[in-house]
Amino acid sequence: MGTLGLILVLGLVGCGGQGGGDTRTVNASLGTWNYGGQNPGLAVILWADLQAPTSPDGFKVTVTGPSSASPVTYGPFWSSLSGPVFWWLLRSGVVPASGDHTISATLNASQSLNRTFKLDANSTLPQPQNVTVQATQNSATFSWSSVSGAKSYFVELWQLDNQGNPTSRLLTWYTTATQVQFTQNAGLQLPPGNYRAWVFAASVDLTQLRRPGQAAQLDPQINFSAAWSQQAVQVQSVGTLRVVPAPDTAPVLPPEPDAEGGLSQ
């Protein structure tokens, strides 16, 4: 697969960062996504403390630079409320190229950005290792080794088809720990089938991005990596959960966007 590399850093709209602390209300970064392919992919992340909702149609982010022959637009992103929000997405189809990239967007009537940022395509985050699962009665725990350079993790639980490929993303977690757990109970009943976890490591603390004052977190290049669990967990119609072997072949990546997340109202 190809790789996409962007480094977005969004400047503050209307406010400078002079004196009294960092007053910026929007920022973004680009970076690499190490998903195990021949080349890394592109990572894009945007944080904003919205002073007003976006338009109902949302806004788009445009990136220009050596990673693409022509400007690339991402989005739309939207929120119906004001306050802190963030979005991120990963693309395997664009190979990052080192050099200056310009990121621009108009979030709402009072907030916009236009910033040039230098991307280092050789800077990558190691993939998570030893991603395993343990099942006991009606719960399952996915765990992995700590990733050097990672400040947080994002985990997706995917239901697999008969060939072992992901078909439906049913659960997600943001965490700074190296494990997540789900329990079958009255509030959560996963359909019978086999499930596999996709673990992402990030060089930014994603768990903090729903808070104000996070612009500085996105000043550096932001890198992601990802790996699938080495085992699957089986949900049966009756009885306890079971750990089962994962397919020998690597799962096929879901359609573009390869991965995306964030929290908005």
Protein backbone atom coordinates (compact mmCIF):
# COMPACT_ATOMS: atom_id res chain seq x y z
CA MET A 1 0.00 0.00 0.00
CA GLY A 2 1.04 3.58 -0.44
CA THR A 3 1.74 6.04 2.27
CA LEU A 4 0.54 9.48 3.03
CA GLY A 5 2.42 11.98 5.11
CA LEU A 6 1.09 15.29 6.29
CA ILE A 7 2.04 17.50 9.14
CA LEU A 8 -0.63 19.97 10.10
CA VAL A 9 -0.09 22.71 12.60
CA LEU A 10 -2.92 25.16 12.78
CA GLY A 11 -2.36 28.64 14.14
CA LEU A 12 -4.71 30.61 16.29
CA VAL A 13 -7.41 32.67 14.66
CA GLY A 14 -7.53 36.23 15.77
CA CYS A 15 -5.41 35.74 18.90
CA GLY A 16 -1.68 35.67 19.25
CA GLY A 17 0.22 33.57 21.71
CA GLN A 18 1.91 36.59 23.25
CA GLY A 19 1.94 36.83 27.02
CA GLY A 20 -0.36 35.25 29.57
CA GLY A 21 0.10 31.75 28.24
CA ASP A 22 -0.89 30.04 25.02
CA THR A 23 -4.18 31.56 23.89
CA ARG A 24 -4.43 29.77 20.55
CA THR A 25 -7.78 28.15 19.89
CA VAL A 26 -6.95 26.04 16.85
CA ASN A 27 -3.97 23.95 15.82
CA ALA A 28 -3.20 20.95 13.69
CA SER A 29 -0.32 18.70 12.77
CA LEU A 30 0.79 16.25 10.14
CA GLY A 31 2.95 13.18 10.49
CA THR A 32 3.55 9.60 9.46
CA TRP A 33 1.47 6.48 10.00
CA ASN A 34 3.49 3.29 10.44
CA TYR A 35 0.95 0.55 9.72
CA GLY A 36 3.44 -2.10 8.61
CA GLY A 37 3.43 -1.39 4.89
CA GLN A 38 6.43 -0.87 2.65
CA ASN A 39 6.05 2.89 3.14
CA PRO A 40 4.41 4.82 5.96
CA GLY A 41 1.10 6.56 5.46
CA LEU A 42 -0.04 10.06 6.28
CA ALA A 43 -1.46 11.20 9.63
CA VAL A 44 -3.58 14.36 9.96
CA ILE A 45 -4.86 15.70 13.28
CA LEU A 46 -6.76 18.89 14.13
CA TRP A 47 -7.72 20.36 17.51
CA ALA A 48 -9.89 23.43 18.12
CA ASP A 49 -11.59 25.19 21.00
CA LEU A 50 -14.52 26.31 18.91
CA GLN A 51 -15.79 29.79 19.72
CA ALA A 52 -18.92 29.03 17.70
CA PRO A 53 -20.33 25.95 15.94
CA THR A 54 -19.13 25.15 12.47
CA SER A 55 -21.55 25.57 9.59
CA PRO A 56 -24.04 22.69 9.19
CA ASP A 57 -22.01 21.52 6.20
CA GLY A 58 -18.78 21.62 8.21
CA PHE A 59 -15.38 22.79 7.02
CA LYS A 60 -12.49 21.26 5.10
CA VAL A 61 -8.75 21.31 5.63
CA THR A 62 -6.49 21.81 2.61
CA VAL A 63 -2.88 20.62 2.63
CA THR A 64 -0.33 21.57 0.00
CA GLY A 65 3.24 20.35 -0.16
CA PRO A 66 5.61 17.75 -1.61
CA SER A 67 3.56 14.79 -0.33
CA SER A 68 1.01 15.36 -3.12
CA ALA A 69 1.32 16.72 -6.65
CA SER A 70 -1.69 18.98 -6.05
CA PRO A 71 -3.48 20.31 -2.95
CA VAL A 72 -5.42 17.67 -1.00
CA THR A 73 -8.64 18.45 0.88
CA TYR A 74 -9.77 16.55 3.98
CA GLY A 75 -13.18 16.67 5.63
CA PRO A 76 -15.77 17.88 6.08
CA PHE A 77 -15.43 18.25 9.86
CA TRP A 78 -18.29 19.70 11.82
CA SER A 79 -19.65 20.36 15.30
CA SER A 80 -23.05 21.66 16.35
CA LEU A 81 -21.71 23.18 19.59
CA SER A 82 -18.83 25.35 20.72
CA GLY A 83 -16.01 24.06 22.91
CA PRO A 84 -12.98 21.77 22.51
CA VAL A 85 -13.12 19.20 19.69
CA PHE A 86 -10.60 17.20 17.69
CA TRP A 87 -10.44 15.03 14.60
CA TRP A 88 -7.73 12.77 13.20
CA LEU A 89 -7.44 10.56 10.14
CA LEU A 90 -4.84 8.21 8.66
CA ARG A 91 -4.23 7.48 4.98
CA SER A 92 -2.21 4.57 3.61
CA GLY A 93 -2.54 5.77 0.02
CA VAL A 94 -0.17 8.76 0.20
CA VAL A 95 3.57 8.45 0.80
CA PRO A 96 4.84 11.33 2.96
CA ALA A 97 7.60 13.48 1.53
CA SER A 98 9.84 15.65 3.67
CA GLY A 99 9.54 19.40 3.31
CA ASP A 100 7.26 22.35 3.97
CA HIS A 101 3.51 21.75 3.92
CA THR A 102 0.87 24.47 4.19
CA ILE A 103 -2.39 23.78 6.01
CA SER A 104 -5.40 26.05 5.66
CA ALA A 105 -9.02 25.96 6.81
CA THR A 106 -11.91 28.21 7.83
CA LEU A 107 -13.66 26.64 10.80
CA ASN A 108 -16.32 29.33 11.33
CA ALA A 109 -16.76 33.09 10.98
CA SER A 110 -14.11 33.90 13.61
CA GLN A 111 -11.63 31.02 13.42
CA SER A 112 -9.36 30.07 10.54
CA LEU A 113 -5.80 28.92 9.97
CA ASN A 114 -3.07 29.19 7.41
CA ARG A 115 0.28 27.77 8.51
CA THR A 116 3.36 26.25 6.96
CA PHE A 117 4.93 23.30 8.74
CA LYS A 118 7.97 21.14 7.99
CA LEU A 119 7.32 17.39 7.72
CA ASP A 120 10.03 14.79 8.33
CA ALA A 121 9.00 11.69 6.40
CA ASN A 122 11.74 9.63 8.08
CA SER A 123 10.28 10.18 11.55
CA THR A 124 8.05 7.23 12.48
CA LEU A 125 6.59 5.61 15.59
CA PRO A 126 7.27 1.89 16.20
CA GLN A 127 4.30 -0.44 15.73
CA PRO A 128 2.67 -1.86 18.89
CA GLN A 129 4.11 -5.27 19.76
CA ASN A 130 2.71 -8.32 21.56
CA VAL A 131 -0.94 -7.36 21.03
CA THR A 132 -2.71 -10.27 22.71
CA VAL A 133 -6.09 -11.08 24.25
CA GLN A 134 -7.21 -12.91 27.38
CA ALA A 135 -10.81 -13.98 27.96
CA THR A 136 -12.41 -14.88 31.28
CA GLN A 137 -16.10 -15.72 31.59
CA ASN A 138 -17.90 -12.81 29.90
CA SER A 139 -15.00 -10.34 29.52
CA ALA A 140 -11.98 -9.99 27.26
CA THR A 141 -8.82 -7.93 27.76
CA PHE A 142 -6.55 -6.82 24.93
CA SER A 143 -3.04 -5.79 25.96
CA TRP A 144 0.20 -4.76 24.27
CA SER A 145 3.74 -3.65 25.07
CA SER A 146 4.42 0.03 25.67
CA VAL A 147 5.48 1.85 22.49
CA SER A 148 8.55 4.08 22.70
CA GLY A 149 7.56 7.66 21.93
CA ALA A 150 3.81 7.07 22.34
CA LYS A 151 1.79 9.23 24.73
CA SER A 152 -1.58 7.52 24.20
CA TYR A 153 -3.38 4.73 22.36
CA PHE A 154 -6.60 4.26 20.44
CA VAL A 155 -8.16 0.80 20.11
CA GLU A 156 -10.85 -0.43 17.73
CA LEU A 157 -12.70 -3.74 18.11
CA TRP A 158 -13.65 -5.19 14.71
CA GLN A 159 -15.98 -8.05 13.92
CA LEU A 160 -14.44 -10.42 11.34
CA ASP A 161 -16.00 -12.16 8.37
CA ASN A 162 -15.47 -15.85 7.57
CA GLN A 163 -12.15 -15.01 5.88
CA GLY A 164 -10.90 -13.13 8.92
CA ASN A 165 -11.20 -9.64 7.42
CA PRO A 166 -12.70 -6.73 9.41
CA THR A 167 -16.28 -5.88 8.48
CA SER A 168 -17.77 -3.84 11.36
CA ARG A 169 -16.14 -1.58 13.93
CA LEU A 170 -18.19 -1.99 17.10
CA LEU A 171 -16.15 -0.54 20.01
CA THR A 172 -13.43 2.10 20.43
CA TRP A 173 -11.28 3.28 23.33
CA TYR A 174 -8.88 6.17 24.03
CA THR A 175 -6.36 5.34 26.75
CA THR A 176 -2.89 6.02 28.14
CA ALA A 177 -2.72 2.47 29.52
CA THR A 178 -1.51 -0.58 27.60
CA GLN A 179 -4.73 -2.57 27.81
CA VAL A 180 -8.49 -2.25 27.31
CA GLN A 181 -11.35 -4.52 28.36
CA PHE A 182 -14.95 -5.16 27.37
CA THR A 183 -17.58 -7.15 29.23
CA GLN A 184 -20.71 -8.78 27.86
CA ASN A 185 -23.56 -7.58 30.07
CA ALA A 186 -27.06 -6.18 29.89
CA GLY A 187 -25.70 -2.93 28.43
CA LEU A 188 -23.33 -4.50 25.93
CA GLN A 189 -24.20 -7.56 23.90
CA LEU A 190 -21.91 -8.16 20.94
CA PRO A 191 -23.32 -10.38 18.17
CA PRO A 192 -21.86 -13.90 17.99
CA GLY A 193 -18.69 -14.08 15.94
CA ASN A 194 -14.95 -13.52 16.02
CA TYR A 195 -13.42 -10.16 16.93
CA ARG A 196 -9.97 -8.67 16.59
CA ALA A 197 -8.45 -5.49 18.02
CA TRP A 198 -6.61 -2.85 16.00
CA VAL A 199 -4.27 -0.92 18.34
CA PHE A 200 -2.99 2.55 17.40
CA ALA A 201 -0.15 4.35 19.16
CA ALA A 202 0.09 8.16 18.98
CA SER A 203 2.86 10.60 19.86
CA VAL A 204 0.21 12.97 21.25
CA ASP A 205 -2.01 12.45 24.31
CA LEU A 206 -5.36 11.95 22.58
CA THR A 207 -7.12 11.61 25.94
CA GLN A 208 -6.47 15.32 26.67
CA LEU A 209 -7.71 16.78 23.41
CA ARG A 210 -11.29 17.27 24.62
CA ARG A 211 -9.92 19.95 26.97
CA PRO A 212 -9.15 23.64 26.35
CA GLY A 213 -5.58 24.82 26.00
CA GLN A 214 -4.22 21.87 23.98
CA ALA A 215 -2.81 23.79 20.99
CA ALA A 216 0.81 23.26 22.05
CA GLN A 217 0.38 19.48 21.94
CA LEU A 218 0.08 19.74 18.16
CA ASP A 219 3.08 22.01 17.62
CA PRO A 220 5.45 19.09 16.89
CA GLN A 221 5.00 16.52 14.15
CA ILE A 222 2.41 13.95 15.25
CA ASN A 223 3.13 10.32 14.34
CA PHE A 224 0.87 7.26 14.56
CA SER A 225 1.47 3.52 14.29
CA ALA A 226 -0.87 0.54 14.36
CA ALA A 227 -0.95 -3.25 14.66
CA TRP A 228 -3.63 -5.96 14.80
CA SER A 229 -4.01 -8.29 17.75
CA GLN A 230 -2.22 -11.61 17.35
CA GLN A 231 -5.36 -13.45 18.47
CA ALA A 232 -9.09 -13.07 18.10
CA VAL A 233 -11.82 -13.39 20.71
CA GLN A 234 -14.94 -15.41 19.96
CA VAL A 235 -18.36 -14.36 21.19
CA GLN A 236 -20.74 -17.32 21.36
CA SER A 237 -24.50 -17.26 21.57
CA VAL A 238 -24.20 -19.04 24.93
CA GLY A 239 -21.32 -19.72 27.27
CA THR A 240 -18.14 -17.82 28.04
CA LEU A 241 -15.94 -15.87 25.64
CA ARG A 242 -13.10 -17.80 24.02
CA VAL A 243 -9.71 -16.82 22.63
CA VAL A 244 -9.25 -18.27 19.13
CA PRO A 245 -6.32 -18.15 16.67
CA ALA A 246 -6.20 -15.14 14.40
CA PRO A 247 -6.04 -15.72 10.63
CA ASP A 248 -2.55 -16.42 9.28
CA THR A 249 -2.88 -13.66 6.71
CA ALA A 250 -2.92 -9.99 7.63
CA PRO A 251 -6.39 -8.42 7.64
CA VAL A 252 -7.37 -6.32 4.67
CA LEU A 253 -7.49 -2.66 5.65
CA PRO A 254 -10.99 -1.14 5.68
CA PRO A 255 -11.78 1.17 2.75
CA GLU A 256 -10.46 4.74 2.81
CA PRO A 257 -10.29 6.46 5.15
CA ASP A 258 -8.07 3.72 6.54
CA ALA A 259 -8.64 4.97 10.06
CA GLU A 260 -10.17 8.02 11.66
CA GLY A 261 -11.36 9.23 15.03
CA GLY A 262 -11.97 12.21 17.24
CA LEU A 263 -14.58 13.66 19.53
CA SER A 264 -17.01 16.38 18.55
CA GLN A 265 -20.48 17.44 19.65
